[in-house]
Amino acid sequence: MAIWSKGNDTTNELIHQFTVGDDYICDRQLAVYDILGSIAHATMLGDTGIITTADCNALITELQQLHKDYTAGIWTVDQSDEDVHSKVEALLTERIGEPAKCLHTGRSRNDQVLTDVRLWSKDRLCDISASTLACVKALLTAAQKYEFHPLPGYTHLQRGMPSSVGLFFASHAAALLDNCILLDAAWQLCDRCPLGSGASYGVGLPLNREHSAQLLGFTRPTAPAMTDANSRGKIDTAVIDAAGALINDLSRFAADMVFFTSAECGFFTIGAGFTTGSSIMPQKKNLDLFELLRGRASRFLGVRTGLYATTLGLHSGYSRDLQDTKALLIDGLRLTEEGLAVVTEAAPTLTPQRDAIERALTPDLYATDEAYRLVTEEGLSFRDAYVQVGTNLDTLSTPDHDATIRNRNHTGSTGNIGISAVFKQVDEIAESWNTRRETLHTCWNKLL
């Protein structure tokens, strides 16, 4: 029976299926967090004397057992349950009877689901940050291995200047690392506890919201109460936006690799097991993983748009539209973690092909270098040197590729990429996120 039921208000089966939708499937991911929130809430109710110590202890003991049973696969959330909140209360009622009826004292399903999603988001942000840093390290390691290996640099998808494999990999790594700033901002938005805000307007009981927040590893509760209800979808979108920055960078890397590994370029090969074949052409080896990664970015944009659009024009307080934000958030973060995982796995197997690269490093790519030589050695202004070189391109010759790469030594250029500095950033950011995860899980383990 749903937790809102009064006993004589059974929902039409078609309406039940429509209103439940895929929410029960999403709640299977949230179940452990729902139990954590319930343990913290029951503890607070007992500590404040709102419920008896006996009822509080009975609730906590059985909620801890429900957590063990869920992780062991003994129970799950089914469509007939409507959601995890109804399922947990039904199991408690079945197992301990009357004390189960006390659990929902002082909270609404609205602040309950908000708390579940916020806890889940904080945990996932820890995972995504770790996955991001692993991906960054994989790209940096490739950059270090091929630091001074030449590679054409492109603008407008036309070869423009000499670059390097080291610069290519390190630039993609640093771009991903920048997104940790956004992940940190999303974490801070999630780090406020909605529990106790009720159905947007607080409740007529002496709740200790600070205590609930502390038990669950939040920095503080949110106030005023209606802010919590109005943040659903908004903060989820902030989390998705942080993930979306990662997806965007991954899609650009994917597009580069589709081009660089094509027969027309042939600048890189990839390791065995990372390609698929054609159903009709026996000779084909397709880098589908990068094409799909590029495509998943488009799919992610649909998720992000759906999430953002759901909150447009909603009145303050809870509206049932917000139920659908849950699936979009979960799907978006899943796509992000999958994308990071495949790039982390594939990057170490990408090998530059020197012959193909040198064929592409034609003399015209060194036109700008020749203009700078005229500036530094013959005293021409850059504009005059630019015109002179541009009108005599047929006189250009190919210099030493490797020497050119190494001699560009200003900060960030091919001879001075700063790979070690980026590695240092990775370690610092990893330490910060590891501390957060450890603190969070220490709180949760105490509850369990």
Protein backbone atom coordinates (compact mmCIF):
# COMPACT_ATOMS: atom_id res chain seq x y z
CA MET A 1 0.00 0.00 0.00
CA ALA A 2 1.32 3.47 -0.93
CA ILE A 3 2.34 5.70 1.98
CA TRP A 4 -0.29 8.25 0.95
CA SER A 5 -3.14 5.74 0.98
CA LYS A 6 -6.02 6.17 3.43
CA GLY A 7 -7.16 2.57 2.93
CA ASN A 8 -10.11 3.04 0.60
CA ASP A 9 -8.54 4.93 -2.30
CA THR A 10 -7.08 2.26 -4.58
CA THR A 11 -5.79 3.76 -7.82
CA ASN A 12 -6.99 2.59 -11.22
CA GLU A 13 -4.36 0.12 -12.53
CA LEU A 14 -3.66 2.08 -15.72
CA ILE A 15 -3.27 5.29 -13.73
CA HIS A 16 -1.02 3.50 -11.25
CA GLN A 17 1.27 2.29 -14.03
CA PHE A 18 1.35 5.73 -15.65
CA THR A 19 2.08 7.65 -12.46
CA VAL A 20 4.71 5.18 -11.29
CA GLY A 21 6.37 5.06 -14.71
CA ASP A 22 10.01 3.98 -14.38
CA ASP A 23 10.34 5.62 -10.97
CA TYR A 24 10.56 2.29 -9.17
CA ILE A 25 13.54 1.32 -11.35
CA CYS A 26 15.32 4.56 -10.47
CA ASP A 27 14.55 3.95 -6.81
CA ARG A 28 16.53 0.74 -6.88
CA GLN A 29 19.60 2.98 -7.14
CA LEU A 30 18.33 5.20 -4.34
CA ALA A 31 17.24 2.51 -1.89
CA VAL A 32 20.41 2.46 0.23
CA TYR A 33 20.35 6.26 0.46
CA ASP A 34 16.68 6.24 1.42
CA ILE A 35 17.52 3.92 4.30
CA LEU A 36 20.39 6.16 5.40
CA GLY A 37 18.06 9.16 5.41
CA SER A 38 15.47 7.22 7.38
CA ILE A 39 18.00 6.13 10.01
CA ALA A 40 19.14 9.73 10.45
CA HIS A 41 15.55 10.96 10.64
CA ALA A 42 14.56 8.30 13.18
CA THR A 43 17.66 9.12 15.25
CA MET A 44 16.77 12.81 15.26
CA LEU A 45 13.13 12.07 16.20
CA GLY A 46 14.32 9.96 19.12
CA ASP A 47 16.96 12.44 20.29
CA THR A 48 14.44 15.29 20.31
CA GLY A 49 11.80 13.20 22.12
CA ILE A 50 9.31 13.43 19.28
CA ILE A 51 9.11 9.62 19.30
CA THR A 52 9.92 7.26 22.15
CA THR A 53 13.37 5.79 22.64
CA ALA A 54 11.91 2.30 22.21
CA ASP A 55 10.31 3.16 18.87
CA CYS A 56 13.48 4.93 17.76
CA ASN A 57 15.67 1.92 18.59
CA ALA A 58 13.28 -0.50 16.90
CA LEU A 59 13.27 1.62 13.73
CA ILE A 60 17.04 2.00 13.60
CA THR A 61 17.72 -1.69 14.22
CA GLU A 62 15.33 -2.81 11.50
CA LEU A 63 16.42 -0.14 9.02
CA GLN A 64 19.99 -1.33 9.44
CA GLN A 65 18.81 -4.87 8.73
CA LEU A 66 16.86 -3.70 5.67
CA HIS A 67 20.07 -2.15 4.34
CA LYS A 68 21.94 -5.43 4.75
CA ASP A 69 19.10 -7.35 3.13
CA TYR A 70 18.92 -4.96 0.19
CA THR A 71 22.65 -5.12 -0.53
CA ALA A 72 22.37 -8.91 -0.28
CA GLY A 73 19.61 -8.90 -2.92
CA ILE A 74 16.89 -10.17 -0.58
CA TRP A 75 14.43 -7.43 -1.56
CA THR A 76 14.02 -4.81 -4.27
CA VAL A 77 11.55 -2.17 -5.39
CA ASP A 78 8.82 -3.36 -7.77
CA GLN A 79 6.23 -1.47 -9.78
CA SER A 80 3.51 -2.56 -7.36
CA ASP A 81 5.43 -0.82 -4.55
CA GLU A 82 5.15 2.58 -6.29
CA ASP A 83 8.47 3.79 -4.87
CA VAL A 84 11.21 2.96 -2.39
CA HIS A 85 9.59 5.04 0.38
CA SER A 86 6.40 2.95 0.31
CA LYS A 87 8.45 -0.25 0.06
CA VAL A 88 10.61 0.52 3.08
CA GLU A 89 7.64 1.52 5.21
CA ALA A 90 5.75 -1.61 4.16
CA LEU A 91 8.70 -3.85 5.08
CA LEU A 92 9.11 -2.10 8.42
CA THR A 93 5.42 -2.50 9.19
CA GLU A 94 5.60 -6.18 8.30
CA ARG A 95 8.65 -6.74 10.49
CA ILE A 96 8.20 -4.51 13.56
CA GLY A 97 4.56 -3.38 13.46
CA GLU A 98 3.48 -0.22 15.29
CA PRO A 99 6.88 1.57 15.51
CA ALA A 100 6.97 1.65 11.69
CA LYS A 101 4.08 4.10 11.73
CA CYS A 102 6.29 6.65 13.51
CA LEU A 103 8.97 6.91 10.84
CA HIS A 104 7.21 9.41 8.60
CA THR A 105 6.62 11.80 11.50
CA GLY A 106 7.87 15.27 10.55
CA ARG A 107 8.73 14.61 6.95
CA SER A 108 7.08 14.55 3.55
CA ARG A 109 7.86 12.28 0.64
CA ASN A 110 9.10 15.49 -0.99
CA ASP A 111 11.98 16.17 1.39
CA GLN A 112 12.58 12.43 1.63
CA VAL A 113 13.21 11.99 -2.10
CA LEU A 114 15.21 15.22 -2.20
CA THR A 115 17.48 13.83 0.51
CA ASP A 116 17.86 10.51 -1.31
CA VAL A 117 18.81 12.20 -4.59
CA ARG A 118 21.16 14.62 -2.86
CA LEU A 119 22.99 11.77 -1.08
CA TRP A 120 23.15 9.74 -4.29
CA SER A 121 24.45 12.76 -6.21
CA LYS A 122 27.23 13.40 -3.68
CA ASP A 123 28.32 9.77 -3.92
CA ARG A 124 28.21 9.83 -7.73
CA LEU A 125 30.15 13.09 -7.88
CA CYS A 126 32.90 11.39 -5.88
CA ASP A 127 32.87 8.52 -8.40
CA ILE A 128 32.84 10.82 -11.43
CA SER A 129 35.67 12.92 -10.03
CA ALA A 130 37.74 9.77 -9.53
CA SER A 131 36.90 8.60 -13.06
CA THR A 132 37.80 12.01 -14.46
CA LEU A 133 41.16 12.00 -12.73
CA ALA A 134 41.87 8.46 -13.95
CA CYS A 135 41.10 9.57 -17.50
CA VAL A 136 43.30 12.64 -17.11
CA LYS A 137 46.17 10.46 -15.90
CA ALA A 138 45.78 8.09 -18.85
CA LEU A 139 45.96 11.00 -21.30
CA LEU A 140 48.87 12.63 -19.45
CA THR A 141 50.81 9.38 -19.47
CA ALA A 142 50.37 9.20 -23.26
CA ALA A 143 51.44 12.85 -23.48
CA GLN A 144 54.57 12.12 -21.48
CA LYS A 145 55.40 9.07 -23.58
CA TYR A 146 55.13 10.99 -26.86
CA GLU A 147 55.95 14.45 -25.56
CA PHE A 148 58.11 15.58 -28.49
CA HIS A 149 56.61 13.42 -31.22
CA PRO A 150 55.54 15.72 -34.08
CA LEU A 151 51.94 16.03 -35.23
CA PRO A 152 50.22 18.49 -37.58
CA GLY A 153 48.15 21.18 -35.85
CA TYR A 154 44.81 22.00 -37.44
CA THR A 155 42.59 25.08 -37.75
CA HIS A 156 39.38 25.04 -39.80
CA LEU A 157 40.17 21.30 -40.19
CA GLN A 158 43.08 22.28 -42.44
CA ARG A 159 46.72 21.66 -41.54
CA GLY A 160 48.13 24.92 -40.19
CA MET A 161 51.23 24.58 -37.98
CA PRO A 162 53.46 21.90 -36.51
CA SER A 163 52.26 20.56 -33.16
CA SER A 164 53.05 17.47 -31.12
CA VAL A 165 51.41 14.34 -29.85
CA GLY A 166 52.39 15.42 -26.36
CA LEU A 167 50.54 18.72 -26.74
CA PHE A 168 47.50 16.95 -28.18
CA PHE A 169 47.08 14.48 -25.30
CA ALA A 170 48.05 16.96 -22.58
CA SER A 171 45.58 19.56 -23.87
CA HIS A 172 42.69 17.11 -23.72
CA ALA A 173 43.80 16.04 -20.24
CA ALA A 174 43.96 19.62 -18.95
CA ALA A 175 40.52 20.38 -20.43
CA LEU A 176 39.00 17.48 -18.50
CA LEU A 177 40.80 18.59 -15.35
CA ASP A 178 39.29 22.07 -15.61
CA ASN A 179 35.86 20.50 -15.19
CA CYS A 180 36.72 19.49 -11.64
CA ILE A 181 35.92 23.11 -10.75
CA LEU A 182 32.37 22.53 -11.96
CA LEU A 183 32.14 19.18 -10.18
CA ASP A 184 33.22 20.94 -6.98
CA ALA A 185 30.51 23.60 -7.42
CA ALA A 186 27.88 20.91 -8.00
CA TRP A 187 29.05 19.12 -4.83
CA GLN A 188 28.67 22.29 -2.78
CA LEU A 189 25.10 22.76 -4.03
CA CYS A 190 24.33 19.15 -3.09
CA ASP A 191 25.93 19.54 0.33
CA ARG A 192 22.84 21.03 1.99
CA CYS A 193 20.36 18.75 3.69
CA PRO A 194 16.68 19.02 2.63
CA LEU A 195 15.43 16.69 5.38
CA GLY A 196 12.84 18.45 7.54
CA SER A 197 11.70 20.98 4.96
CA GLY A 198 8.57 18.86 4.52
CA ALA A 199 6.22 19.68 1.68
CA SER A 200 8.04 23.02 1.19
CA TYR A 201 6.86 24.82 4.31
CA GLY A 202 8.43 23.09 7.29
CA VAL A 203 6.40 21.23 9.93
CA GLY A 204 4.80 22.01 13.29
CA LEU A 205 7.29 19.96 15.29
CA PRO A 206 10.57 20.88 17.03
CA LEU A 207 12.79 19.14 14.45
CA ASN A 208 16.54 19.43 14.82
CA ARG A 209 17.47 19.77 11.15
CA GLU A 210 21.09 20.54 11.97
CA HIS A 211 21.38 17.19 13.73
CA SER A 212 19.90 15.29 10.75
CA ALA A 213 22.26 17.08 8.39
CA GLN A 214 25.30 16.26 10.52
CA LEU A 215 24.37 12.58 10.80
CA LEU A 216 24.15 12.28 7.01
CA GLY A 217 27.41 14.10 6.29
CA PHE A 218 25.90 17.35 5.02
CA THR A 219 27.50 20.66 5.90
CA ARG A 220 24.18 22.18 6.94
CA PRO A 221 20.43 22.10 6.28
CA THR A 222 18.89 24.30 3.63
CA ALA A 223 16.81 27.31 4.71
CA PRO A 224 14.22 28.66 4.02
CA ALA A 225 12.25 25.45 3.61
CA MET A 226 10.65 26.24 0.24
CA THR A 227 14.13 26.61 -1.25
CA ASP A 228 14.48 22.84 -1.02
CA ALA A 229 11.39 22.04 -3.05
CA ASN A 230 12.31 24.65 -5.64
CA SER A 231 15.86 23.31 -5.88
CA ARG A 232 14.73 19.94 -7.19
CA GLY A 233 15.59 19.90 -10.86
CA LYS A 234 17.67 23.04 -10.48
CA ILE A 235 20.48 21.43 -8.49
CA ASP A 236 20.11 18.26 -10.55
CA THR A 237 20.70 20.43 -13.62
CA ALA A 238 23.82 21.89 -12.01
CA VAL A 239 25.13 18.35 -11.50
CA ILE A 240 24.27 17.47 -15.10
CA ASP A 241 25.94 20.65 -16.36
CA ALA A 242 29.18 19.68 -14.61
CA ALA A 243 28.95 16.23 -16.16
CA GLY A 244 28.03 17.81 -19.49
CA ALA A 245 31.29 19.75 -19.57
CA LEU A 246 33.10 16.41 -19.31
CA ILE A 247 30.94 14.90 -22.04
CA ASN A 248 31.62 17.88 -24.30
CA ASP A 249 35.39 17.51 -23.90
CA LEU A 250 35.18 13.76 -24.46
CA SER A 251 33.19 14.30 -27.65
CA ARG A 252 35.86 16.65 -29.00
CA PHE A 253 38.56 14.10 -28.23
CA ALA A 254 36.42 11.45 -29.93
CA ALA A 255 35.98 13.62 -33.04
CA ASP A 256 39.75 14.16 -33.23
CA MET A 257 40.43 10.45 -32.97
CA VAL A 258 37.84 9.55 -35.63
CA PHE A 259 39.68 11.91 -37.98
CA PHE A 260 43.25 11.08 -36.96
CA THR A 261 42.72 7.31 -37.23
CA SER A 262 40.99 7.49 -40.61
CA ALA A 263 42.72 6.07 -43.69
CA GLU A 264 43.06 9.64 -44.97
CA CYS A 265 45.24 10.57 -41.96
CA GLY A 266 46.47 7.36 -40.38
CA PHE A 267 48.22 9.31 -37.63
CA PHE A 268 47.31 6.80 -34.89
CA THR A 269 46.56 3.13 -34.50
CA ILE A 270 44.69 1.62 -31.57
CA GLY A 271 45.27 -1.60 -29.66
CA ALA A 272 43.70 -4.96 -30.35
CA GLY A 273 40.19 -5.35 -29.01
CA PHE A 274 39.21 -1.71 -29.44
CA THR A 275 37.71 -1.97 -32.91
CA THR A 276 34.69 -3.69 -34.40
CA GLY A 277 34.17 -5.15 -37.87
CA SER A 278 31.79 -4.76 -40.78
CA SER A 279 28.96 -7.19 -41.45
CA ILE A 280 29.75 -7.09 -45.20
CA MET A 281 33.34 -5.87 -45.69
CA PRO A 282 35.85 -8.39 -44.33
CA GLN A 283 38.74 -5.92 -44.25
CA LYS A 284 37.10 -3.29 -42.03
CA LYS A 285 38.27 -2.33 -38.56
CA ASN A 286 36.01 0.39 -37.22
CA LEU A 287 36.74 2.66 -34.26
CA ASP A 288 33.10 2.60 -33.26
CA LEU A 289 33.88 3.52 -29.68
CA PHE A 290 34.83 7.07 -30.68
CA GLU A 291 31.87 7.43 -33.02
CA LEU A 292 29.52 6.25 -30.29
CA LEU A 293 31.17 8.52 -27.74
CA ARG A 294 30.55 11.42 -30.09
CA GLY A 295 26.94 10.29 -30.50
CA ARG A 296 26.39 9.82 -26.77
CA ALA A 297 27.20 13.50 -26.33
CA SER A 298 24.15 14.31 -28.46
CA ARG A 299 22.07 11.90 -26.41
CA PHE A 300 23.35 13.54 -23.24
CA LEU A 301 22.24 16.93 -24.55
CA GLY A 302 18.72 15.56 -24.84
CA VAL A 303 18.86 14.42 -21.22
CA ARG A 304 20.14 17.81 -20.09
CA THR A 305 17.51 19.68 -22.09
CA GLY A 306 14.74 17.47 -20.72
CA LEU A 307 15.92 18.02 -17.16
CA TYR A 308 16.17 21.78 -17.52
CA ALA A 309 12.88 22.09 -19.40
CA THR A 310 10.98 20.15 -16.73
CA THR A 311 11.46 22.98 -14.23
CA LEU A 312 10.52 25.81 -16.61
CA GLY A 313 7.36 27.62 -15.53
CA LEU A 314 6.70 25.44 -12.50
CA HIS A 315 5.02 27.12 -9.55
CA SER A 316 6.86 27.13 -6.22
CA GLY A 317 6.47 24.03 -4.10
CA TYR A 318 6.30 20.46 -5.32
CA SER A 319 4.75 19.43 -8.64
CA ARG A 320 4.59 15.82 -9.83
CA ASP A 321 6.45 16.80 -13.03
CA LEU A 322 9.60 16.68 -10.90
CA GLN A 323 9.36 12.92 -10.53
CA ASP A 324 10.75 12.59 -14.06
CA THR A 325 13.93 14.51 -13.23
CA LYS A 326 15.22 11.48 -11.36
CA ALA A 327 15.60 9.22 -14.41
CA LEU A 328 17.21 12.01 -16.44
CA LEU A 329 19.80 12.70 -13.75
CA ILE A 330 20.65 9.02 -13.37
CA ASP A 331 20.92 8.46 -17.12
CA GLY A 332 23.08 11.54 -17.63
CA LEU A 333 25.63 10.56 -15.01
CA ARG A 334 25.68 6.98 -16.32
CA LEU A 335 26.55 8.24 -19.82
CA THR A 336 29.33 10.38 -18.34
CA GLU A 337 30.92 7.56 -16.37
CA GLU A 338 30.80 5.23 -19.38
CA GLY A 339 32.46 7.83 -21.60
CA LEU A 340 35.27 8.45 -19.13
CA ALA A 341 35.82 4.71 -18.71
CA VAL A 342 36.26 3.94 -22.42
CA VAL A 343 38.69 6.82 -22.99
CA THR A 344 40.70 5.81 -19.92
CA GLU A 345 40.92 2.27 -21.30
CA ALA A 346 41.65 3.22 -24.91
CA ALA A 347 44.13 6.09 -24.49
CA PRO A 348 47.15 3.98 -23.46
CA THR A 349 46.81 1.88 -26.64
CA LEU A 350 46.84 4.82 -29.09
CA THR A 351 50.16 4.80 -30.97
CA PRO A 352 51.35 7.60 -33.29
CA GLN A 353 52.44 6.54 -36.79
CA ARG A 354 55.61 8.48 -37.65
CA ASP A 355 55.62 7.92 -41.43
CA ALA A 356 52.04 9.09 -41.94
CA ILE A 357 52.58 12.09 -39.69
CA GLU A 358 55.77 13.17 -41.49
CA ARG A 359 54.02 12.96 -44.84
CA ALA A 360 51.47 15.43 -43.54
CA LEU A 361 54.13 17.82 -42.19
CA THR A 362 54.59 19.54 -45.54
CA PRO A 363 56.81 22.64 -45.89
CA ASP A 364 53.87 25.07 -45.87
CA LEU A 365 53.15 24.20 -42.23
CA TYR A 366 56.40 25.98 -41.35
CA ALA A 367 55.42 29.25 -43.04
CA THR A 368 54.80 31.01 -39.73
CA ASP A 369 58.15 29.79 -38.39
CA GLU A 370 59.86 31.26 -41.45
CA ALA A 371 58.08 34.59 -40.88
CA TYR A 372 59.35 34.65 -37.31
CA ARG A 373 62.86 33.86 -38.54
CA LEU A 374 62.73 36.93 -40.79
CA VAL A 375 61.57 38.99 -37.79
CA THR A 376 64.27 37.79 -35.40
CA GLU A 377 67.21 37.35 -37.81
CA GLU A 378 66.62 40.01 -40.49
CA GLY A 379 64.72 42.63 -38.51
CA LEU A 380 61.55 42.67 -40.63
CA SER A 381 58.27 43.68 -39.08
CA PHE A 382 55.93 40.74 -38.69
CA ARG A 383 53.50 42.13 -41.25
CA ASP A 384 56.22 42.51 -43.90
CA ALA A 385 57.58 39.05 -43.10
CA TYR A 386 54.05 37.66 -43.32
CA VAL A 387 53.59 39.08 -46.83
CA GLN A 388 57.02 38.00 -48.01
CA VAL A 389 56.55 34.41 -46.88
CA GLY A 390 52.95 34.27 -48.10
CA THR A 391 53.96 35.27 -51.62
CA ASN A 392 56.88 32.82 -51.76
CA LEU A 393 55.46 29.61 -50.29
CA ASP A 394 57.08 27.52 -53.02
CA THR A 395 60.51 28.37 -51.63
CA LEU A 396 59.84 26.86 -48.20
CA SER A 397 61.70 23.74 -47.14
CA THR A 398 61.05 21.19 -44.43
CA PRO A 399 63.13 21.75 -41.28
CA ASP A 400 63.98 19.24 -38.56
CA HIS A 401 60.55 18.33 -37.17
CA ASP A 402 61.79 17.27 -33.75
CA ALA A 403 64.02 20.30 -33.27
CA THR A 404 61.14 22.60 -34.14
CA ILE A 405 58.92 20.94 -31.54
CA ARG A 406 61.56 21.16 -28.81
CA ASN A 407 62.60 24.74 -29.58
CA ARG A 408 59.15 26.16 -28.88
CA ASN A 409 59.82 26.65 -25.21
CA HIS A 410 57.44 29.30 -23.93
CA THR A 411 54.93 28.13 -21.32
CA GLY A 412 52.35 25.80 -22.82
CA SER A 413 54.03 25.31 -26.18
CA THR A 414 55.30 22.00 -27.56
CA GLY A 415 58.72 22.26 -25.93
CA ASN A 416 57.32 23.31 -22.55
CA ILE A 417 53.88 21.74 -22.15
CA GLY A 418 54.04 21.55 -18.36
CA ILE A 419 52.96 17.92 -18.01
CA SER A 420 54.44 17.52 -14.53
CA ALA A 421 52.47 20.54 -13.28
CA VAL A 422 49.22 19.00 -14.51
CA PHE A 423 50.12 15.70 -12.80
CA LYS A 424 50.62 17.67 -9.58
CA GLN A 425 47.17 19.24 -9.97
CA VAL A 426 45.69 15.78 -10.39
CA ASP A 427 47.21 14.61 -7.12
CA GLU A 428 45.97 17.68 -5.23
CA ILE A 429 42.43 17.36 -6.56
CA ALA A 430 42.42 13.61 -5.89
CA GLU A 431 43.40 14.19 -2.26
CA SER A 432 40.55 16.68 -1.82
CA TRP A 433 37.93 14.33 -3.25
CA ASN A 434 39.28 11.33 -1.34
CA THR A 435 38.89 13.30 1.89
CA ARG A 436 35.30 14.15 0.98
CA ARG A 437 34.48 10.55 0.18
CA GLU A 438 36.09 9.26 3.37
CA THR A 439 34.24 11.82 5.51
CA LEU A 440 30.93 11.04 3.84
CA HIS A 441 31.23 7.28 4.11
CA THR A 442 32.41 7.51 7.71
CA CYS A 443 29.13 9.25 8.59
CA TRP A 444 27.11 6.66 6.71
CA ASN A 445 28.95 3.73 8.26
CA LYS A 446 28.17 5.11 11.72
CA LEU A 447 24.47 5.16 10.85
CA LEU A 448 24.65 1.58 9.60
